[in-house]
Amino acid sequence: MTKLHVDPRDAVPIWKQLEDGVRRLVASGALLPGEVVPSVRELARDLRINPATAAKAYQRLTDAGILHVRRGEGTFVADAPPALGAKVRTKAITEAALRYASVAVTLGASEEETSETARTAYQQLKGDGRG
């Protein structure tokens, strides 16, 4: 996962940076379903972080259904997005949208700019070429 980076100076905890980074790589197709991800030790060594930090990110991603562990084989990208009910999915998306909107408002972005930026980001992740 050479495309995964963390910034120790960032206020966002490193485990959260890892979690968000892996989610982005999976969403964009840079990490494909069934693809093996580095072990916790390899990731910690490559990024020069504490293995417990990498383990926390991987555990959260596993709990969310993004990654899955095969005992004795390693950790892999899940074959499909987690099966969530509509209410759970809507709640998670709403919470993330509120965090995004809070940043946009505090930066003085208009509603139109905020919506267009979100639309462009979604299109880039889905790889439809319009973004």
N, C-alpha and C. Protein backbone atom coordinates (compact mmCIF):
# COMPACT_ATOMS: atom_id res chain seq x y z
N MET A 1 0.84 -1.18 0.00
CA MET A 1 0.00 0.00 0.00
C MET A 1 0.88 1.24 0.00
N THR A 2 1.64 1.39 -1.03
CA THR A 2 2.55 2.52 -1.12
C THR A 2 1.81 3.85 -1.21
N LYS A 3 0.53 3.82 -1.55
CA LYS A 3 -0.25 5.04 -1.67
C LYS A 3 -0.79 5.52 -0.32
N LEU A 4 -0.49 4.79 0.72
CA LEU A 4 -0.99 5.12 2.06
C LEU A 4 0.07 5.92 2.80
N HIS A 5 -0.34 7.08 3.28
CA HIS A 5 0.58 7.95 4.01
C HIS A 5 -0.09 8.45 5.27
N VAL A 6 0.73 8.75 6.26
CA VAL A 6 0.23 9.39 7.48
C VAL A 6 1.09 10.61 7.77
N ASP A 7 0.51 11.56 8.45
CA ASP A 7 1.20 12.78 8.83
C ASP A 7 1.14 12.89 10.34
N PRO A 8 2.25 12.63 11.03
CA PRO A 8 2.23 12.68 12.50
C PRO A 8 1.93 14.08 13.04
N ARG A 9 2.08 15.12 12.20
CA ARG A 9 1.79 16.49 12.64
C ARG A 9 0.31 16.82 12.55
N ASP A 10 -0.45 15.99 11.83
CA ASP A 10 -1.88 16.21 11.66
C ASP A 10 -2.59 15.98 12.99
N ALA A 11 -3.62 16.78 13.25
CA ALA A 11 -4.40 16.62 14.49
C ALA A 11 -5.22 15.33 14.49
N VAL A 12 -5.49 14.79 13.30
CA VAL A 12 -6.24 13.54 13.19
C VAL A 12 -5.34 12.40 13.67
N PRO A 13 -5.85 11.55 14.58
CA PRO A 13 -5.02 10.44 15.07
C PRO A 13 -4.52 9.56 13.91
N ILE A 14 -3.34 9.02 14.07
CA ILE A 14 -2.73 8.22 13.00
C ILE A 14 -3.60 7.02 12.65
N TRP A 15 -4.20 6.36 13.64
CA TRP A 15 -5.06 5.22 13.34
C TRP A 15 -6.23 5.64 12.46
N LYS A 16 -6.76 6.84 12.67
CA LYS A 16 -7.87 7.34 11.87
C LYS A 16 -7.40 7.70 10.46
N GLN A 17 -6.18 8.26 10.35
CA GLN A 17 -5.62 8.54 9.03
C GLN A 17 -5.48 7.23 8.24
N LEU A 18 -5.01 6.18 8.91
CA LEU A 18 -4.88 4.86 8.26
C LEU A 18 -6.24 4.32 7.84
N GLU A 19 -7.19 4.38 8.75
CA GLU A 19 -8.53 3.87 8.46
C GLU A 19 -9.13 4.61 7.26
N ASP A 20 -9.06 5.93 7.28
CA ASP A 20 -9.60 6.72 6.17
C ASP A 20 -8.84 6.45 4.87
N GLY A 21 -7.54 6.31 4.97
CA GLY A 21 -6.72 6.04 3.78
C GLY A 21 -7.06 4.71 3.14
N VAL A 22 -7.22 3.67 3.95
CA VAL A 22 -7.58 2.36 3.40
C VAL A 22 -8.97 2.41 2.78
N ARG A 23 -9.89 3.09 3.45
CA ARG A 23 -11.24 3.23 2.88
C ARG A 23 -11.18 3.90 1.51
N ARG A 24 -10.36 4.96 1.39
CA ARG A 24 -10.23 5.65 0.10
C ARG A 24 -9.65 4.73 -0.96
N LEU A 25 -8.62 3.96 -0.59
CA LEU A 25 -8.00 3.04 -1.55
C LEU A 25 -8.99 1.96 -2.01
N VAL A 26 -9.80 1.47 -1.10
CA VAL A 26 -10.81 0.46 -1.46
C VAL A 26 -11.89 1.09 -2.33
N ALA A 27 -12.38 2.27 -1.91
CA ALA A 27 -13.45 2.93 -2.66
C ALA A 27 -13.02 3.29 -4.08
N SER A 28 -11.76 3.66 -4.25
CA SER A 28 -11.27 4.07 -5.57
C SER A 28 -10.87 2.90 -6.45
N GLY A 29 -10.81 1.70 -5.87
CA GLY A 29 -10.40 0.54 -6.64
C GLY A 29 -8.90 0.31 -6.65
N ALA A 30 -8.16 1.15 -5.92
CA ALA A 30 -6.72 0.96 -5.83
C ALA A 30 -6.40 -0.30 -5.03
N LEU A 31 -7.29 -0.68 -4.13
CA LEU A 31 -7.22 -1.97 -3.44
C LEU A 31 -8.46 -2.75 -3.87
N LEU A 32 -8.26 -3.87 -4.49
CA LEU A 32 -9.35 -4.65 -5.05
C LEU A 32 -9.88 -5.70 -4.08
N PRO A 33 -11.15 -6.09 -4.23
CA PRO A 33 -11.70 -7.15 -3.39
C PRO A 33 -10.82 -8.40 -3.45
N GLY A 34 -10.56 -8.97 -2.29
CA GLY A 34 -9.74 -10.18 -2.20
C GLY A 34 -8.26 -9.93 -2.16
N GLU A 35 -7.84 -8.69 -2.37
CA GLU A 35 -6.41 -8.36 -2.38
C GLU A 35 -5.86 -8.38 -0.95
N VAL A 36 -4.68 -8.93 -0.82
CA VAL A 36 -4.02 -8.98 0.48
C VAL A 36 -3.48 -7.60 0.82
N VAL A 37 -3.56 -7.24 2.09
CA VAL A 37 -2.97 -5.99 2.56
C VAL A 37 -1.77 -6.35 3.43
N PRO A 38 -0.84 -5.42 3.59
CA PRO A 38 0.35 -5.73 4.39
C PRO A 38 -0.04 -6.12 5.82
N SER A 39 0.81 -6.93 6.43
CA SER A 39 0.57 -7.28 7.82
C SER A 39 0.70 -6.03 8.68
N VAL A 40 0.21 -6.11 9.89
CA VAL A 40 0.32 -4.99 10.82
C VAL A 40 1.79 -4.60 11.00
N ARG A 41 2.64 -5.58 11.15
CA ARG A 41 4.07 -5.30 11.36
C ARG A 41 4.70 -4.64 10.14
N GLU A 42 4.36 -5.15 8.95
CA GLU A 42 4.90 -4.55 7.72
C GLU A 42 4.43 -3.11 7.55
N LEU A 43 3.13 -2.89 7.78
CA LEU A 43 2.58 -1.55 7.65
C LEU A 43 3.23 -0.59 8.65
N ALA A 44 3.36 -1.06 9.88
CA ALA A 44 3.99 -0.22 10.92
C ALA A 44 5.43 0.11 10.56
N ARG A 45 6.15 -0.88 10.06
CA ARG A 45 7.53 -0.65 9.67
C ARG A 45 7.62 0.33 8.49
N ASP A 46 6.80 0.11 7.47
CA ASP A 46 6.84 0.96 6.27
C ASP A 46 6.47 2.41 6.58
N LEU A 47 5.50 2.60 7.46
CA LEU A 47 5.04 3.96 7.78
C LEU A 47 5.72 4.54 9.01
N ARG A 48 6.57 3.72 9.65
CA ARG A 48 7.30 4.14 10.85
C ARG A 48 6.34 4.60 11.96
N ILE A 49 5.39 3.70 12.24
CA ILE A 49 4.43 3.96 13.30
C ILE A 49 4.41 2.78 14.26
N ASN A 50 3.74 2.96 15.37
CA ASN A 50 3.61 1.90 16.36
C ASN A 50 2.70 0.79 15.81
N PRO A 51 3.10 -0.48 15.94
CA PRO A 51 2.25 -1.57 15.47
C PRO A 51 0.85 -1.57 16.10
N ALA A 52 0.74 -1.12 17.33
CA ALA A 52 -0.58 -1.06 17.98
C ALA A 52 -1.50 -0.07 17.26
N THR A 53 -0.92 0.97 16.71
CA THR A 53 -1.70 1.96 15.96
C THR A 53 -2.23 1.34 14.67
N ALA A 54 -1.37 0.63 13.96
CA ALA A 54 -1.79 -0.06 12.74
C ALA A 54 -2.83 -1.13 13.07
N ALA A 55 -2.63 -1.85 14.16
CA ALA A 55 -3.58 -2.89 14.55
C ALA A 55 -4.95 -2.30 14.85
N LYS A 56 -4.99 -1.13 15.49
CA LYS A 56 -6.27 -0.49 15.79
C LYS A 56 -7.01 -0.14 14.50
N ALA A 57 -6.31 0.43 13.54
CA ALA A 57 -6.94 0.78 12.26
C ALA A 57 -7.46 -0.48 11.57
N TYR A 58 -6.65 -1.52 11.50
CA TYR A 58 -7.07 -2.76 10.85
C TYR A 58 -8.27 -3.37 11.58
N GLN A 59 -8.27 -3.34 12.90
CA GLN A 59 -9.39 -3.91 13.66
C GLN A 59 -10.68 -3.16 13.36
N ARG A 60 -10.61 -1.84 13.32
CA ARG A 60 -11.80 -1.04 13.00
C ARG A 60 -12.29 -1.33 11.58
N LEU A 61 -11.36 -1.48 10.65
CA LEU A 61 -11.74 -1.80 9.26
C LEU A 61 -12.33 -3.21 9.16
N THR A 62 -11.81 -4.12 9.95
CA THR A 62 -12.36 -5.48 9.98
C THR A 62 -13.75 -5.46 10.59
N ASP A 63 -13.92 -4.74 11.69
CA ASP A 63 -15.23 -4.63 12.33
C ASP A 63 -16.26 -4.00 11.39
N ALA A 64 -15.81 -3.09 10.53
CA ALA A 64 -16.70 -2.40 9.59
C ALA A 64 -16.98 -3.23 8.34
N GLY A 65 -16.28 -4.36 8.19
CA GLY A 65 -16.51 -5.22 7.02
C GLY A 65 -15.72 -4.81 5.79
N ILE A 66 -14.76 -3.90 5.94
CA ILE A 66 -13.93 -3.46 4.81
C ILE A 66 -12.80 -4.47 4.57
N LEU A 67 -12.24 -4.98 5.65
CA LEU A 67 -11.18 -6.00 5.59
C LEU A 67 -11.68 -7.27 6.26
N HIS A 68 -11.07 -8.38 5.93
CA HIS A 68 -11.34 -9.62 6.67
C HIS A 68 -10.04 -10.39 6.83
N VAL A 69 -9.99 -11.14 7.93
CA VAL A 69 -8.79 -11.89 8.28
C VAL A 69 -9.02 -13.37 8.01
N ARG A 70 -8.05 -13.97 7.36
CA ARG A 70 -8.04 -15.42 7.19
C ARG A 70 -6.90 -15.94 8.05
N ARG A 71 -7.25 -16.63 9.08
CA ARG A 71 -6.24 -17.14 10.02
C ARG A 71 -5.15 -17.91 9.28
N GLY A 72 -3.92 -17.52 9.56
CA GLY A 72 -2.77 -18.18 8.94
C GLY A 72 -2.45 -17.71 7.53
N GLU A 73 -3.32 -16.90 6.94
CA GLU A 73 -3.09 -16.42 5.58
C GLU A 73 -2.86 -14.92 5.50
N GLY A 74 -3.52 -14.15 6.36
CA GLY A 74 -3.33 -12.71 6.34
C GLY A 74 -4.64 -11.94 6.36
N THR A 75 -4.52 -10.67 6.05
CA THR A 75 -5.67 -9.77 6.02
C THR A 75 -5.92 -9.36 4.58
N PHE A 76 -7.18 -9.36 4.19
CA PHE A 76 -7.58 -9.13 2.81
C PHE A 76 -8.69 -8.09 2.73
N VAL A 77 -8.79 -7.45 1.57
CA VAL A 77 -9.93 -6.58 1.30
C VAL A 77 -11.15 -7.47 1.18
N ALA A 78 -12.25 -7.06 1.79
CA ALA A 78 -13.49 -7.85 1.73
C ALA A 78 -13.94 -7.98 0.28
N ASP A 79 -14.62 -9.08 -0.01
CA ASP A 79 -15.08 -9.34 -1.37
C ASP A 79 -16.19 -8.40 -1.82
N ALA A 80 -16.93 -7.86 -0.87
CA ALA A 80 -18.04 -6.95 -1.20
C ALA A 80 -18.20 -5.95 -0.07
N PRO A 81 -18.80 -4.82 -0.36
CA PRO A 81 -19.06 -3.87 0.72
C PRO A 81 -19.90 -4.53 1.81
N PRO A 82 -19.76 -4.07 3.04
CA PRO A 82 -20.53 -4.68 4.12
C PRO A 82 -22.03 -4.53 3.87
N ALA A 83 -22.76 -5.56 4.22
CA ALA A 83 -24.22 -5.53 4.07
C ALA A 83 -24.80 -4.76 5.25
N LEU A 84 -25.25 -3.56 4.98
CA LEU A 84 -25.84 -2.72 6.01
C LEU A 84 -27.30 -2.46 5.67
N GLY A 85 -28.11 -2.36 6.70
CA GLY A 85 -29.48 -1.95 6.48
C GLY A 85 -29.52 -0.48 6.08
N ALA A 86 -30.61 -0.08 5.45
CA ALA A 86 -30.73 1.29 4.97
C ALA A 86 -30.58 2.30 6.10
N LYS A 87 -31.15 2.02 7.26
CA LYS A 87 -31.07 2.96 8.38
C LYS A 87 -29.64 3.13 8.87
N VAL A 88 -28.92 2.04 8.99
CA VAL A 88 -27.53 2.09 9.45
C VAL A 88 -26.66 2.83 8.43
N ARG A 89 -26.84 2.51 7.16
CA ARG A 89 -26.08 3.17 6.10
C ARG A 89 -26.38 4.67 6.07
N THR A 90 -27.65 5.02 6.15
CA THR A 90 -28.05 6.43 6.14
C THR A 90 -27.47 7.17 7.33
N LYS A 91 -27.49 6.55 8.49
CA LYS A 91 -26.93 7.18 9.69
C LYS A 91 -25.44 7.44 9.52
N ALA A 92 -24.70 6.45 9.02
CA ALA A 92 -23.25 6.60 8.83
C ALA A 92 -22.94 7.69 7.81
N ILE A 93 -23.68 7.70 6.71
CA ILE A 93 -23.46 8.72 5.67
C ILE A 93 -23.80 10.10 6.20
N THR A 94 -24.88 10.21 6.96
CA THR A 94 -25.29 11.49 7.53
C THR A 94 -24.23 12.02 8.48
N GLU A 95 -23.71 11.16 9.33
CA GLU A 95 -22.66 11.59 10.27
C GLU A 95 -21.43 12.09 9.52
N ALA A 96 -21.02 11.37 8.48
CA ALA A 96 -19.86 11.79 7.69
C ALA A 96 -20.16 13.09 6.95
N ALA A 97 -21.37 13.23 6.43
CA ALA A 97 -21.75 14.45 5.72
C ALA A 97 -21.75 15.65 6.67
N LEU A 98 -22.19 15.46 7.90
CA LEU A 98 -22.16 16.55 8.88
C LEU A 98 -20.73 16.99 9.19
N ARG A 99 -19.82 16.02 9.28
CA ARG A 99 -18.42 16.37 9.51
C ARG A 99 -17.88 17.17 8.33
N TYR A 100 -18.18 16.73 7.11
CA TYR A 100 -17.74 17.43 5.90
C TYR A 100 -18.35 18.82 5.83
N ALA A 101 -19.65 18.92 6.06
CA ALA A 101 -20.32 20.22 5.99
C ALA A 101 -19.77 21.17 7.05
N SER A 102 -19.44 20.67 8.22
CA SER A 102 -18.86 21.52 9.27
C SER A 102 -17.55 22.14 8.81
N VAL A 103 -16.71 21.34 8.17
CA VAL A 103 -15.45 21.87 7.64
C VAL A 103 -15.73 22.91 6.56
N ALA A 104 -16.63 22.59 5.65
CA ALA A 104 -16.94 23.52 4.56
C ALA A 104 -17.47 24.85 5.08
N VAL A 105 -18.39 24.80 6.04
CA VAL A 105 -18.96 26.03 6.59
C VAL A 105 -17.90 26.86 7.31
N THR A 106 -17.06 26.19 8.08
CA THR A 106 -16.04 26.95 8.82
C THR A 106 -14.97 27.52 7.91
N LEU A 107 -14.86 27.00 6.68
CA LEU A 107 -13.93 27.56 5.70
C LEU A 107 -14.59 28.61 4.82
N GLY A 108 -15.88 28.81 5.02
CA GLY A 108 -16.59 29.83 4.26
C GLY A 108 -17.05 29.39 2.88
N ALA A 109 -17.12 28.09 2.64
CA ALA A 109 -17.55 27.59 1.33
C ALA A 109 -19.06 27.74 1.18
N SER A 110 -19.49 28.00 -0.04
CA SER A 110 -20.92 28.10 -0.32
C SER A 110 -21.52 26.69 -0.38
N GLU A 111 -22.84 26.63 -0.31
CA GLU A 111 -23.52 25.35 -0.43
C GLU A 111 -23.25 24.72 -1.80
N GLU A 112 -23.23 25.56 -2.83
CA GLU A 112 -22.97 25.05 -4.19
C GLU A 112 -21.56 24.48 -4.31
N GLU A 113 -20.58 25.22 -3.78
CA GLU A 113 -19.19 24.75 -3.82
C GLU A 113 -19.04 23.45 -3.05
N THR A 114 -19.68 23.39 -1.89
CA THR A 114 -19.60 22.21 -1.05
C THR A 114 -20.21 21.00 -1.75
N SER A 115 -21.38 21.20 -2.35
CA SER A 115 -22.05 20.10 -3.06
C SER A 115 -21.24 19.64 -4.27
N GLU A 116 -20.72 20.58 -5.04
CA GLU A 116 -19.94 20.25 -6.23
C GLU A 116 -18.65 19.51 -5.85
N THR A 117 -18.01 19.95 -4.79
CA THR A 117 -16.78 19.29 -4.34
C THR A 117 -17.07 17.86 -3.91
N ALA A 118 -18.16 17.65 -3.19
CA ALA A 118 -18.54 16.29 -2.77
C ALA A 118 -18.86 15.43 -3.99
N ARG A 119 -19.58 15.99 -4.96
CA ARG A 119 -19.93 15.26 -6.18
C ARG A 119 -18.66 14.86 -6.95
N THR A 120 -17.73 15.80 -7.08
CA THR A 120 -16.49 15.53 -7.80
C THR A 120 -15.67 14.45 -7.09
N ALA A 121 -15.59 14.53 -5.77
CA ALA A 121 -14.84 13.53 -5.01
C ALA A 121 -15.45 12.14 -5.20
N TYR A 122 -16.77 12.06 -5.16
CA TYR A 122 -17.46 10.79 -5.35
C TYR A 122 -17.14 10.22 -6.73
N GLN A 123 -17.22 11.08 -7.75
CA GLN A 123 -16.95 10.64 -9.12
C GLN A 123 -15.51 10.18 -9.29
N GLN A 124 -14.58 10.87 -8.64
CA GLN A 124 -13.17 10.46 -8.72
C GLN A 124 -12.98 9.09 -8.09
N LEU A 125 -13.61 8.85 -6.94
CA LEU A 125 -13.48 7.57 -6.28
C LEU A 125 -14.11 6.44 -7.10
N LYS A 126 -15.22 6.72 -7.72
CA LYS A 126 -15.91 5.71 -8.51
C LYS A 126 -15.27 5.54 -9.89
N GLY A 127 -14.38 6.48 -10.26
CA GLY A 127 -13.65 6.34 -11.51
C GLY A 127 -14.49 6.49 -12.74
N ASP A 128 -15.52 7.36 -12.71
CA ASP A 128 -16.36 7.50 -13.88
C ASP A 128 -15.86 8.51 -14.89
N GLY A 129 -14.69 9.13 -14.59
CA GLY A 129 -14.07 10.00 -15.56
C GLY A 129 -14.66 11.40 -15.68
N ARG A 130 -15.72 11.67 -14.93
CA ARG A 130 -16.33 13.01 -15.01
C ARG A 130 -15.71 13.97 -14.02
N GLY A 131 -14.93 13.43 -13.05
CA GLY A 131 -14.39 14.29 -11.99
C GLY A 131 -12.99 14.74 -12.24
